[in-house]
Amino acid sequence: MRLLPHPATEDIQLTEVLRALSDPVRLEIVTRLAVHGEMSCSTAGDELGVHKSTASHHYRTLREAGVVLTRQEGRLKIMSLRREDLDARFPGLIDSVLSAAHVNA
């Protein structure tokens, strides 16, 4: 297992998180992770309606903003929502965003 580069919890910036969540495709990815838990990038990207390279850009944006944790296992990249880190840094933010997106996560 290899962990890709991520910001430390204390380095996550609100502006970057909000920017990452402002895109409908990225919001859909976060919604799927909130509902289903950990997922491979290929599974999370199913039926998003974007090209594979575009999906990769969205995954990287979410990771670099500190919204998701991505680890590599063999050829698979596995993503999970950094809910605990985000709740510690910005209490209630993810719940509010998901609620506004009409998701009961």
PDB file of N, CA and C in Angstrom:
ATOM      1  N   MET A   1       0.857  -1.181   0.000  1.00  0.00           N
ATOM      2  CA  MET A   1       0.000   0.000   0.000  1.00  0.00           C
ATOM      3  C   MET A   1       0.897   1.237   0.000  1.00  0.00           C
ATOM      4  N   ARG A   2       0.582   2.159  -0.878  1.00  0.00           N
ATOM      5  CA  ARG A   2       1.330   3.405  -0.964  1.00  0.00           C
ATOM      6  C   ARG A   2       0.342   4.555  -0.876  1.00  0.00           C
ATOM      7  N   LEU A   3       0.605   5.472   0.059  1.00  0.00           N
ATOM      8  CA  LEU A   3      -0.257   6.637   0.232  1.00  0.00           C
ATOM      9  C   LEU A   3       0.229   7.762  -0.670  1.00  0.00           C
ATOM     10  N   LEU A   4      -0.669   8.365  -1.402  1.00  0.00           N
ATOM     11  CA  LEU A   4      -0.311   9.506  -2.242  1.00  0.00           C
ATOM     12  C   LEU A   4      -0.185  10.754  -1.365  1.00  0.00           C
ATOM     13  N   PRO A   5       0.471  11.814  -1.849  1.00  0.00           N
ATOM     14  CA  PRO A   5       0.638  13.029  -1.031  1.00  0.00           C
ATOM     15  C   PRO A   5      -0.695  13.710  -0.706  1.00  0.00           C
ATOM     16  N   HIS A   6      -0.853  14.068   0.566  1.00  0.00           N
ATOM     17  CA  HIS A   6      -2.050  14.744   1.067  1.00  0.00           C
ATOM     18  C   HIS A   6      -1.634  15.857   2.018  1.00  0.00           C
ATOM     19  N   PRO A   7      -2.445  16.886   2.152  1.00  0.00           N
ATOM     20  CA  PRO A   7      -2.134  17.882   3.179  1.00  0.00           C
ATOM     21  C   PRO A   7      -2.433  17.307   4.567  1.00  0.00           C
ATOM     22  N   ALA A   8      -1.623  17.700   5.535  1.00  0.00           N
ATOM     23  CA  ALA A   8      -1.895  17.327   6.926  1.00  0.00           C
ATOM     24  C   ALA A   8      -3.200  17.991   7.350  1.00  0.00           C
ATOM     25  N   THR A   9      -3.855  17.426   8.337  1.00  0.00           N
ATOM     26  CA  THR A   9      -5.138  17.962   8.798  1.00  0.00           C
ATOM     27  C   THR A   9      -5.058  19.456   9.079  1.00  0.00           C
ATOM     28  N   GLU A  10      -4.010  19.873   9.788  1.00  0.00           N
ATOM     29  CA  GLU A  10      -3.878  21.285  10.154  1.00  0.00           C
ATOM     30  C   GLU A  10      -3.573  22.195   8.961  1.00  0.00           C
ATOM     31  N   ASP A  11      -3.189  21.606   7.834  1.00  0.00           N
ATOM     32  CA  ASP A  11      -2.878  22.400   6.639  1.00  0.00           C
ATOM     33  C   ASP A  11      -4.060  22.509   5.665  1.00  0.00           C
ATOM     34  N   ILE A  12      -5.159  21.824   5.950  1.00  0.00           N
ATOM     35  CA  ILE A  12      -6.333  21.897   5.063  1.00  0.00           C
ATOM     36  C   ILE A  12      -6.932  23.291   5.169  1.00  0.00           C
ATOM     37  N   GLN A  13      -7.107  23.934   4.030  1.00  0.00           N
ATOM     38  CA  GLN A  13      -7.624  25.303   3.968  1.00  0.00           C
ATOM     39  C   GLN A  13      -9.086  25.305   3.527  1.00  0.00           C
ATOM     40  N   LEU A  14      -9.892  26.081   4.210  1.00  0.00           N
ATOM     41  CA  LEU A  14     -11.316  26.163   3.899  1.00  0.00           C
ATOM     42  C   LEU A  14     -11.548  26.577   2.454  1.00  0.00           C
ATOM     43  N   THR A  15     -10.800  27.547   1.965  1.00  0.00           N
ATOM     44  CA  THR A  15     -11.009  28.018   0.589  1.00  0.00           C
ATOM     45  C   THR A  15     -10.755  26.910  -0.416  1.00  0.00           C
ATOM     46  N   GLU A  16      -9.761  26.068  -0.168  1.00  0.00           N
ATOM     47  CA  GLU A  16      -9.450  24.968  -1.082  1.00  0.00           C
ATOM     48  C   GLU A  16     -10.515  23.878  -1.027  1.00  0.00           C
ATOM     49  N   VAL A  17     -11.015  23.598   0.162  1.00  0.00           N
ATOM     50  CA  VAL A  17     -12.081  22.603   0.310  1.00  0.00           C
ATOM     51  C   VAL A  17     -13.332  23.074  -0.422  1.00  0.00           C
ATOM     52  N   LEU A  18     -13.711  24.333  -0.216  1.00  0.00           N
ATOM     53  CA  LEU A  18     -14.903  24.868  -0.868  1.00  0.00           C
ATOM     54  C   LEU A  18     -14.738  24.924  -2.382  1.00  0.00           C
ATOM     55  N   ARG A  19     -13.537  25.281  -2.840  1.00  0.00           N
ATOM     56  CA  ARG A  19     -13.274  25.298  -4.287  1.00  0.00           C
ATOM     57  C   ARG A  19     -13.421  23.897  -4.868  1.00  0.00           C
ATOM     58  N   ALA A  20     -12.867  22.905  -4.162  1.00  0.00           N
ATOM     59  CA  ALA A  20     -12.960  21.528  -4.637  1.00  0.00           C
ATOM     60  C   ALA A  20     -14.411  21.044  -4.678  1.00  0.00           C
ATOM     61  N   LEU A  21     -15.182  21.438  -3.679  1.00  0.00           N
ATOM     62  CA  LEU A  21     -16.579  20.985  -3.603  1.00  0.00           C
ATOM     63  C   LEU A  21     -17.519  21.784  -4.495  1.00  0.00           C
ATOM     64  N   SER A  22     -17.038  22.861  -5.092  1.00  0.00           N
ATOM     65  CA  SER A  22     -17.911  23.711  -5.903  1.00  0.00           C
ATOM     66  C   SER A  22     -18.220  23.121  -7.273  1.00  0.00           C
ATOM     67  N   ASP A  23     -17.454  22.133  -7.702  1.00  0.00           N
ATOM     68  CA  ASP A  23     -17.690  21.511  -9.003  1.00  0.00           C
ATOM     69  C   ASP A  23     -18.705  20.382  -8.853  1.00  0.00           C
ATOM     70  N   PRO A  24     -19.727  20.328  -9.712  1.00  0.00           N
ATOM     71  CA  PRO A  24     -20.768  19.295  -9.583  1.00  0.00           C
ATOM     72  C   PRO A  24     -20.226  17.864  -9.676  1.00  0.00           C
ATOM     73  N   VAL A  25     -19.233  17.634 -10.506  1.00  0.00           N
ATOM     74  CA  VAL A  25     -18.673  16.281 -10.631  1.00  0.00           C
ATOM     75  C   VAL A  25     -17.953  15.892  -9.342  1.00  0.00           C
ATOM     76  N   ARG A  26     -17.162  16.807  -8.796  1.00  0.00           N
ATOM     77  CA  ARG A  26     -16.450  16.512  -7.554  1.00  0.00           C
ATOM     78  C   ARG A  26     -17.431  16.346  -6.392  1.00  0.00           C
ATOM     79  N   LEU A  27     -18.474  17.143  -6.374  1.00  0.00           N
ATOM     80  CA  LEU A  27     -19.491  17.000  -5.333  1.00  0.00           C
ATOM     81  C   LEU A  27     -20.167  15.632  -5.425  1.00  0.00           C
ATOM     82  N   GLU A  28     -20.403  15.162  -6.634  1.00  0.00           N
ATOM     83  CA  GLU A  28     -20.989  13.831  -6.830  1.00  0.00           C
ATOM     84  C   GLU A  28     -20.040  12.743  -6.328  1.00  0.00           C
ATOM     85  N   ILE A  29     -18.753  12.881  -6.574  1.00  0.00           N
ATOM     86  CA  ILE A  29     -17.770  11.917  -6.083  1.00  0.00           C
ATOM     87  C   ILE A  29     -17.786  11.878  -4.562  1.00  0.00           C
ATOM     88  N   VAL A  30     -17.794  13.042  -3.929  1.00  0.00           N
ATOM     89  CA  VAL A  30     -17.819  13.123  -2.463  1.00  0.00           C
ATOM     90  C   VAL A  30     -19.115  12.521  -1.927  1.00  0.00           C
ATOM     91  N   THR A  31     -20.211  12.791  -2.599  1.00  0.00           N
ATOM     92  CA  THR A  31     -21.498  12.215  -2.205  1.00  0.00           C
ATOM     93  C   THR A  31     -21.444  10.694  -2.239  1.00  0.00           C
ATOM     94  N   ARG A  32     -20.893  10.147  -3.310  1.00  0.00           N
ATOM     95  CA  ARG A  32     -20.772   8.686  -3.421  1.00  0.00           C
ATOM     96  C   ARG A  32     -19.901   8.113  -2.312  1.00  0.00           C
ATOM     97  N   LEU A  33     -18.802   8.789  -2.010  1.00  0.00           N
ATOM     98  CA  LEU A  33     -17.924   8.322  -0.935  1.00  0.00           C
ATOM     99  C   LEU A  33     -18.627   8.398   0.422  1.00  0.00           C
ATOM    100  N   ALA A  34     -19.411   9.441   0.634  1.00  0.00           N
ATOM    101  CA  ALA A  34     -20.138   9.593   1.901  1.00  0.00           C
ATOM    102  C   ALA A  34     -21.175   8.488   2.072  1.00  0.00           C
ATOM    103  N   VAL A  35     -21.817   8.119   0.994  1.00  0.00           N
ATOM    104  CA  VAL A  35     -22.870   7.104   1.052  1.00  0.00           C
ATOM    105  C   VAL A  35     -22.296   5.689   1.098  1.00  0.00           C
ATOM    106  N   HIS A  36     -21.309   5.421   0.244  1.00  0.00           N
ATOM    107  CA  HIS A  36     -20.812   4.052   0.080  1.00  0.00           C
ATOM    108  C   HIS A  36     -19.516   3.764   0.818  1.00  0.00           C
ATOM    109  N   GLY A  37     -18.869   4.781   1.350  1.00  0.00           N
ATOM    110  CA  GLY A  37     -17.586   4.565   2.022  1.00  0.00           C
ATOM    111  C   GLY A  37     -16.453   4.492   1.020  1.00  0.00           C
ATOM    112  N   GLU A  38     -15.425   3.782   1.372  1.00  0.00           N
ATOM    113  CA  GLU A  38     -14.238   3.660   0.542  1.00  0.00           C
ATOM    114  C   GLU A  38     -14.562   3.030  -0.809  1.00  0.00           C
ATOM    115  N   MET A  39     -13.979   3.602  -1.868  1.00  0.00           N
ATOM    116  CA  MET A  39     -14.235   3.107  -3.223  1.00  0.00           C
ATOM    117  C   MET A  39     -12.971   3.237  -4.064  1.00  0.00           C
ATOM    118  N   SER A  40     -12.862   2.372  -5.081  1.00  0.00           N
ATOM    119  CA  SER A  40     -11.775   2.555  -6.046  1.00  0.00           C
ATOM    120  C   SER A  40     -12.131   3.748  -6.923  1.00  0.00           C
ATOM    121  N   CYS A  41     -11.123   4.365  -7.483  1.00  0.00           N
ATOM    122  CA  CYS A  41     -11.373   5.516  -8.359  1.00  0.00           C
ATOM    123  C   CYS A  41     -12.250   5.119  -9.534  1.00  0.00           C
ATOM    124  N   SER A  42     -12.015   3.931 -10.094  1.00  0.00           N
ATOM    125  CA  SER A  42     -12.821   3.516 -11.240  1.00  0.00           C
ATOM    126  C   SER A  42     -14.291   3.337 -10.862  1.00  0.00           C
ATOM    127  N   THR A  43     -14.563   2.810  -9.668  1.00  0.00           N
ATOM    128  CA  THR A  43     -15.947   2.646  -9.210  1.00  0.00           C
ATOM    129  C   THR A  43     -16.587   4.003  -8.917  1.00  0.00           C
ATOM    130  N   ALA A  44     -15.844   4.871  -8.243  1.00  0.00           N
ATOM    131  CA  ALA A  44     -16.369   6.197  -7.912  1.00  0.00           C
ATOM    132  C   ALA A  44     -16.665   6.996  -9.168  1.00  0.00           C
ATOM    133  N   GLY A  45     -15.913   6.740 -10.233  1.00  0.00           N
ATOM    134  CA  GLY A  45     -16.083   7.493 -11.464  1.00  0.00           C
ATOM    135  C   GLY A  45     -17.112   6.935 -12.423  1.00  0.00           C
ATOM    136  N   ASP A  46     -17.669   5.755 -12.099  1.00  0.00           N
ATOM    137  CA  ASP A  46     -18.685   5.159 -12.972  1.00  0.00           C
ATOM    138  C   ASP A  46     -19.859   6.105 -13.170  1.00  0.00           C
ATOM    139  N   GLU A  47     -20.260   6.253 -14.402  1.00  0.00           N
ATOM    140  CA  GLU A  47     -21.450   7.019 -14.786  1.00  0.00           C
ATOM    141  C   GLU A  47     -21.380   8.506 -14.426  1.00  0.00           C
ATOM    142  N   LEU A  48     -20.171   9.051 -14.329  1.00  0.00           N
ATOM    143  CA  LEU A  48     -20.052  10.492 -14.091  1.00  0.00           C
ATOM    144  C   LEU A  48     -20.214  11.283 -15.382  1.00  0.00           C
ATOM    145  N   GLY A  49     -20.039  10.611 -16.508  1.00  0.00           N
ATOM    146  CA  GLY A  49     -20.193  11.288 -17.786  1.00  0.00           C
ATOM    147  C   GLY A  49     -18.989  12.131 -18.178  1.00  0.00           C
ATOM    148  N   VAL A  50     -17.811  11.815 -17.611  1.00  0.00           N
ATOM    149  CA  VAL A  50     -16.595  12.542 -17.964  1.00  0.00           C
ATOM    150  C   VAL A  50     -15.535  11.546 -18.425  1.00  0.00           C
ATOM    151  N   HIS A  51     -14.592  12.036 -19.212  1.00  0.00           N
ATOM    152  CA  HIS A  51     -13.498  11.222 -19.703  1.00  0.00           C
ATOM    153  C   HIS A  51     -12.623  10.801 -18.529  1.00  0.00           C
ATOM    154  N   LYS A  52     -11.920   9.687 -18.671  1.00  0.00           N
ATOM    155  CA  LYS A  52     -11.076   9.158 -17.591  1.00  0.00           C
ATOM    156  C   LYS A  52     -10.039  10.183 -17.123  1.00  0.00           C
ATOM    157  N   SER A  53      -9.439  10.923 -18.053  1.00  0.00           N
ATOM    158  CA  SER A  53      -8.427  11.915 -17.659  1.00  0.00           C
ATOM    159  C   SER A  53      -9.061  13.072 -16.888  1.00  0.00           C
ATOM    160  N   THR A  54     -10.284  13.420 -17.228  1.00  0.00           N
ATOM    161  CA  THR A  54     -10.998  14.470 -16.505  1.00  0.00           C
ATOM    162  C   THR A  54     -11.341  13.992 -15.097  1.00  0.00           C
ATOM    163  N   ALA A  55     -11.765  12.740 -14.980  1.00  0.00           N
ATOM    164  CA  ALA A  55     -12.053  12.172 -13.660  1.00  0.00           C
ATOM    165  C   ALA A  55     -10.788  12.171 -12.808  1.00  0.00           C
ATOM    166  N   SER A  56      -9.658  11.824 -13.403  1.00  0.00           N
ATOM    167  CA  SER A  56      -8.385  11.833 -12.667  1.00  0.00           C
ATOM    168  C   SER A  56      -8.060  13.228 -12.147  1.00  0.00           C
ATOM    169  N   HIS A  57      -8.345  14.235 -12.952  1.00  0.00           N
ATOM    170  CA  HIS A  57      -8.133  15.622 -12.522  1.00  0.00           C
ATOM    171  C   HIS A  57      -9.004  15.931 -11.301  1.00  0.00           C
ATOM    172  N   HIS A  58     -10.248  15.502 -11.330  1.00  0.00           N
ATOM    173  CA  HIS A  58     -11.152  15.744 -10.205  1.00  0.00           C
ATOM    174  C   HIS A  58     -10.666  15.022  -8.944  1.00  0.00           C
ATOM    175  N   TYR A  59     -10.209  13.777  -9.082  1.00  0.00           N
ATOM    176  CA  TYR A  59      -9.700  13.029  -7.929  1.00  0.00           C
ATOM    177  C   TYR A  59      -8.499  13.742  -7.319  1.00  0.00           C
ATOM    178  N   ARG A  60      -7.589  14.208  -8.170  1.00  0.00           N
ATOM    179  CA  ARG A  60      -6.393  14.903  -7.684  1.00  0.00           C
ATOM    180  C   ARG A  60      -6.771  16.201  -6.979  1.00  0.00           C
ATOM    181  N   THR A  61      -7.725  16.944  -7.537  1.00  0.00           N
ATOM    182  CA  THR A  61      -8.168  18.201  -6.919  1.00  0.00           C
ATOM    183  C   THR A  61      -8.730  17.936  -5.527  1.00  0.00           C
ATOM    184  N   LEU A  62      -9.556  16.910  -5.389  1.00  0.00           N
ATOM    185  CA  LEU A  62     -10.130  16.559  -4.087  1.00  0.00           C
ATOM    186  C   LEU A  62      -9.042  16.131  -3.105  1.00  0.00           C
ATOM    187  N   ARG A  63      -8.078  15.362  -3.574  1.00  0.00           N
ATOM    188  CA  ARG A  63      -6.983  14.906  -2.713  1.00  0.00           C
ATOM    189  C   ARG A  63      -6.114  16.067  -2.260  1.00  0.00           C
ATOM    190  N   GLU A  64      -5.726  16.929  -3.194  1.00  0.00           N
ATOM    191  CA  GLU A  64      -4.853  18.051  -2.859  1.00  0.00           C
ATOM    192  C   GLU A  64      -5.533  19.074  -1.951  1.00  0.00           C
ATOM    193  N   ALA A  65      -6.864  19.146  -2.014  1.00  0.00           N
ATOM    194  CA  ALA A  65      -7.612  20.050  -1.141  1.00  0.00           C
ATOM    195  C   ALA A  65      -7.800  19.452   0.260  1.00  0.00           C
ATOM    196  N   GLY A  66      -7.524  18.152   0.397  1.00  0.00           N
ATOM    197  CA  GLY A  66      -7.678  17.503   1.690  1.00  0.00           C
ATOM    198  C   GLY A  66      -9.053  16.908   1.923  1.00  0.00           C
ATOM    199  N   VAL A  67      -9.845  16.795   0.860  1.00  0.00           N
ATOM    200  CA  VAL A  67     -11.211  16.269   1.003  1.00  0.00           C
ATOM    201  C   VAL A  67     -11.212  14.747   1.026  1.00  0.00           C
ATOM    202  N   VAL A  68     -10.337  14.121   0.235  1.00  0.00           N
ATOM    203  CA  VAL A  68     -10.282  12.664   0.180  1.00  0.00           C
ATOM    204  C   VAL A  68      -8.878  12.177   0.491  1.00  0.00           C
ATOM    205  N   LEU A  69      -8.815  10.930   0.919  1.00  0.00           N
ATOM    206  CA  LEU A  69      -7.558  10.233   1.141  1.00  0.00           C
ATOM    207  C   LEU A  69      -7.461   9.187   0.042  1.00  0.00           C
ATOM    208  N   THR A  70      -6.343   9.149  -0.658  1.00  0.00           N
ATOM    209  CA  THR A  70      -6.161   8.190  -1.747  1.00  0.00           C
ATOM    210  C   THR A  70      -4.914   7.362  -1.479  1.00  0.00           C
ATOM    211  N   ARG A  71      -5.090   6.053  -1.561  1.00  0.00           N
ATOM    212  CA  ARG A  71      -3.950   5.153  -1.413  1.00  0.00           C
ATOM    213  C   ARG A  71      -3.927   4.215  -2.614  1.00  0.00           C
ATOM    214  N   GLN A  72      -2.745   3.767  -2.951  1.00  0.00           N
ATOM    215  CA  GLN A  72      -2.600   2.873  -4.087  1.00  0.00           C
ATOM    216  C   GLN A  72      -2.342   1.473  -3.575  1.00  0.00           C
ATOM    217  N   GLU A  73      -3.121   0.531  -4.078  1.00  0.00           N
ATOM    218  CA  GLU A  73      -2.949  -0.889  -3.773  1.00  0.00           C
ATOM    219  C   GLU A  73      -2.788  -1.604  -5.094  1.00  0.00           C
ATOM    220  N   GLY A  74      -1.554  -1.943  -5.425  1.00  0.00           N
ATOM    221  CA  GLY A  74      -1.295  -2.538  -6.738  1.00  0.00           C
ATOM    222  C   GLY A  74      -1.615  -1.525  -7.809  1.00  0.00           C
ATOM    223  N   ARG A  75      -2.497  -1.888  -8.709  1.00  0.00           N
ATOM    224  CA  ARG A  75      -2.884  -0.978  -9.790  1.00  0.00           C
ATOM    225  C   ARG A  75      -4.103  -0.144  -9.442  1.00  0.00           C
ATOM    226  N   LEU A  76      -4.742  -0.452  -8.325  1.00  0.00           N
ATOM    227  CA  LEU A  76      -5.947   0.273  -7.920  1.00  0.00           C
ATOM    228  C   LEU A  76      -5.616   1.465  -7.036  1.00  0.00           C
ATOM    229  N   LYS A  77      -6.356   2.534  -7.221  1.00  0.00           N
ATOM    230  CA  LYS A  77      -6.303   3.668  -6.306  1.00  0.00           C
ATOM    231  C   LYS A  77      -7.622   3.667  -5.536  1.00  0.00           C
ATOM    232  N   ILE A  78      -7.507   3.658  -4.226  1.00  0.00           N
ATOM    233  CA  ILE A  78      -8.666   3.578  -3.349  1.00  0.00           C
ATOM    234  C   ILE A  78      -8.842   4.923  -2.656  1.00  0.00           C
ATOM    235  N   MET A  79     -10.064   5.469  -2.734  1.00  0.00           N
ATOM    236  CA  MET A  79     -10.368   6.774  -2.132  1.00  0.00           C
ATOM    237  C   MET A  79     -11.323   6.612  -0.964  1.00  0.00           C
ATOM    238  N   SER A  80     -11.152   7.493   0.005  1.00  0.00           N
ATOM    239  CA  SER A  80     -12.110   7.587   1.106  1.00  0.00           C
ATOM    240  C   SER A  80     -12.242   9.057   1.486  1.00  0.00           C
ATOM    241  N   LEU A  81     -13.393   9.404   1.995  1.00  0.00           N
ATOM    242  CA  LEU A  81     -13.664  10.770   2.437  1.00  0.00           C
ATOM    243  C   LEU A  81     -12.938  11.010   3.755  1.00  0.00           C
ATOM    244  N   ARG A  82     -12.260  12.134   3.870  1.00  0.00           N
ATOM    245  CA  ARG A  82     -11.543  12.478   5.105  1.00  0.00           C
ATOM    246  C   ARG A  82     -12.495  13.177   6.076  1.00  0.00           C
ATOM    247  N   ARG A  83     -13.592  12.526   6.371  1.00  0.00           N
ATOM    248  CA  ARG A  83     -14.640  13.121   7.197  1.00  0.00           C
ATOM    249  C   ARG A  83     -14.123  13.530   8.575  1.00  0.00           C
ATOM    250  N   GLU A  84     -13.386  12.656   9.242  1.00  0.00           N
ATOM    251  CA  GLU A  84     -12.896  12.984  10.581  1.00  0.00           C
ATOM    252  C   GLU A  84     -11.976  14.195  10.554  1.00  0.00           C
ATOM    253  N   ASP A  85     -11.067  14.224   9.580  1.00  0.00           N
ATOM    254  CA  ASP A  85     -10.141  15.357   9.468  1.00  0.00           C
ATOM    255  C   ASP A  85     -10.894  16.648   9.160  1.00  0.00           C
ATOM    256  N   LEU A  86     -11.852  16.565   8.248  1.00  0.00           N
ATOM    257  CA  LEU A  86     -12.620  17.755   7.875  1.00  0.00           C
ATOM    258  C   LEU A  86     -13.509  18.218   9.026  1.00  0.00           C
ATOM    259  N   ASP A  87     -14.104  17.264   9.755  1.00  0.00           N
ATOM    260  CA  ASP A  87     -14.933  17.632  10.908  1.00  0.00           C
ATOM    261  C   ASP A  87     -14.087  18.257  12.017  1.00  0.00           C
ATOM    262  N   ALA A  88     -12.866  17.770  12.182  1.00  0.00           N
ATOM    263  CA  ALA A  88     -11.980  18.349  13.193  1.00  0.00           C
ATOM    264  C   ALA A  88     -11.580  19.775  12.810  1.00  0.00           C
ATOM    265  N   ARG A  89     -11.356  19.978  11.535  1.00  0.00           N
ATOM    266  CA  ARG A  89     -10.895  21.284  11.054  1.00  0.00           C
ATOM    267  C   ARG A  89     -12.052  22.270  10.891  1.00  0.00           C
ATOM    268  N   PHE A  90     -13.161  21.797  10.315  1.00  0.00           N
ATOM    269  CA  PHE A  90     -14.327  22.645  10.022  1.00  0.00           C
ATOM    270  C   PHE A  90     -15.600  21.904  10.445  1.00  0.00           C
ATOM    271  N   PRO A  91     -15.921  21.928  11.737  1.00  0.00           N
ATOM    272  CA  PRO A  91     -17.063  21.153  12.246  1.00  0.00           C
ATOM    273  C   PRO A  91     -18.369  21.448  11.492  1.00  0.00           C
ATOM    274  N   GLY A  92     -19.012  20.375  11.052  1.00  0.00           N
ATOM    275  CA  GLY A  92     -20.305  20.492  10.397  1.00  0.00           C
ATOM    276  C   GLY A  92     -20.271  20.833   8.917  1.00  0.00           C
ATOM    277  N   LEU A  93     -19.117  21.146   8.376  1.00  0.00           N
ATOM    278  CA  LEU A  93     -19.042  21.572   6.970  1.00  0.00           C
ATOM    279  C   LEU A  93     -19.507  20.482   6.015  1.00  0.00           C
ATOM    280  N   ILE A  94     -18.934  19.305   6.140  1.00  0.00           N
ATOM    281  CA  ILE A  94     -19.281  18.227   5.200  1.00  0.00           C
ATOM    282  C   ILE A  94     -20.748  17.848   5.335  1.00  0.00           C
ATOM    283  N   ASP A  95     -21.259  17.767   6.556  1.00  0.00           N
ATOM    284  CA  ASP A  95     -22.677  17.455   6.745  1.00  0.00           C
ATOM    285  C   ASP A  95     -23.561  18.511   6.090  1.00  0.00           C
ATOM    286  N   SER A  96     -23.181  19.770   6.220  1.00  0.00           N
ATOM    287  CA  SER A  96     -23.955  20.859   5.616  1.00  0.00           C
ATOM    288  C   SER A  96     -23.930  20.776   4.093  1.00  0.00           C
ATOM    289  N   VAL A  97     -22.755  20.521   3.547  1.00  0.00           N
ATOM    290  CA  VAL A  97     -22.618  20.419   2.082  1.00  0.00           C
ATOM    291  C   VAL A  97     -23.421  19.247   1.555  1.00  0.00           C
ATOM    292  N   LEU A  98     -23.301  18.099   2.211  1.00  0.00           N
ATOM    293  CA  LEU A  98     -24.041  16.912   1.762  1.00  0.00           C
ATOM    294  C   LEU A  98     -25.547  17.099   1.928  1.00  0.00           C
ATOM    295  N   SER A  99     -25.938  17.758   3.004  1.00  0.00           N
ATOM    296  CA  SER A  99     -27.350  18.046   3.214  1.00  0.00           C
ATOM    297  C   SER A  99     -27.883  18.963   2.113  1.00  0.00           C
ATOM    298  N   ALA A 100     -27.109  19.962   1.784  1.00  0.00           N
ATOM    299  CA  ALA A 100     -27.508  20.887   0.711  1.00  0.00           C
ATOM    300  C   ALA A 100     -27.574  20.184  -0.640  1.00  0.00           C
ATOM    301  N   ALA A 101     -26.763  19.120  -0.783  1.00  0.00           N
ATOM    302  CA  ALA A 101     -26.773  18.337  -2.024  1.00  0.00           C
ATOM    303  C   ALA A 101     -27.853  17.251  -1.970  1.00  0.00           C
ATOM    304  N   HIS A 102     -28.703  17.306  -0.933  1.00  0.00           N
ATOM    305  CA  HIS A 102     -29.818  16.372  -0.749  1.00  0.00           C
ATOM    306  C   HIS A 102     -29.351  14.939  -0.545  1.00  0.00           C
ATOM    307  N   VAL A 103     -28.338  14.775   0.307  1.00  0.00           N
ATOM    308  CA  VAL A 103     -27.812  13.462   0.607  1.00  0.00           C
ATOM    309  C   VAL A 103     -27.915  13.226   2.095  1.00  0.00           C
ATOM    310  N   ASN A 104     -28.386  12.074   2.456  1.00  0.00           N
ATOM    311  CA  ASN A 104     -28.408  11.685   3.873  1.00  0.00           C
ATOM    312  C   ASN A 104     -27.227  10.760   4.117  1.00  0.00           C
ATOM    313  N   ALA A 105     -26.083  11.360   4.436  1.00  0.00           N
ATOM    314  CA  ALA A 105     -24.883  10.560   4.640  1.00  0.00           C
ATOM    315  C   ALA A 105     -24.546  10.478   6.114  1.00  0.00           C
TER     316      ALA A 105
END
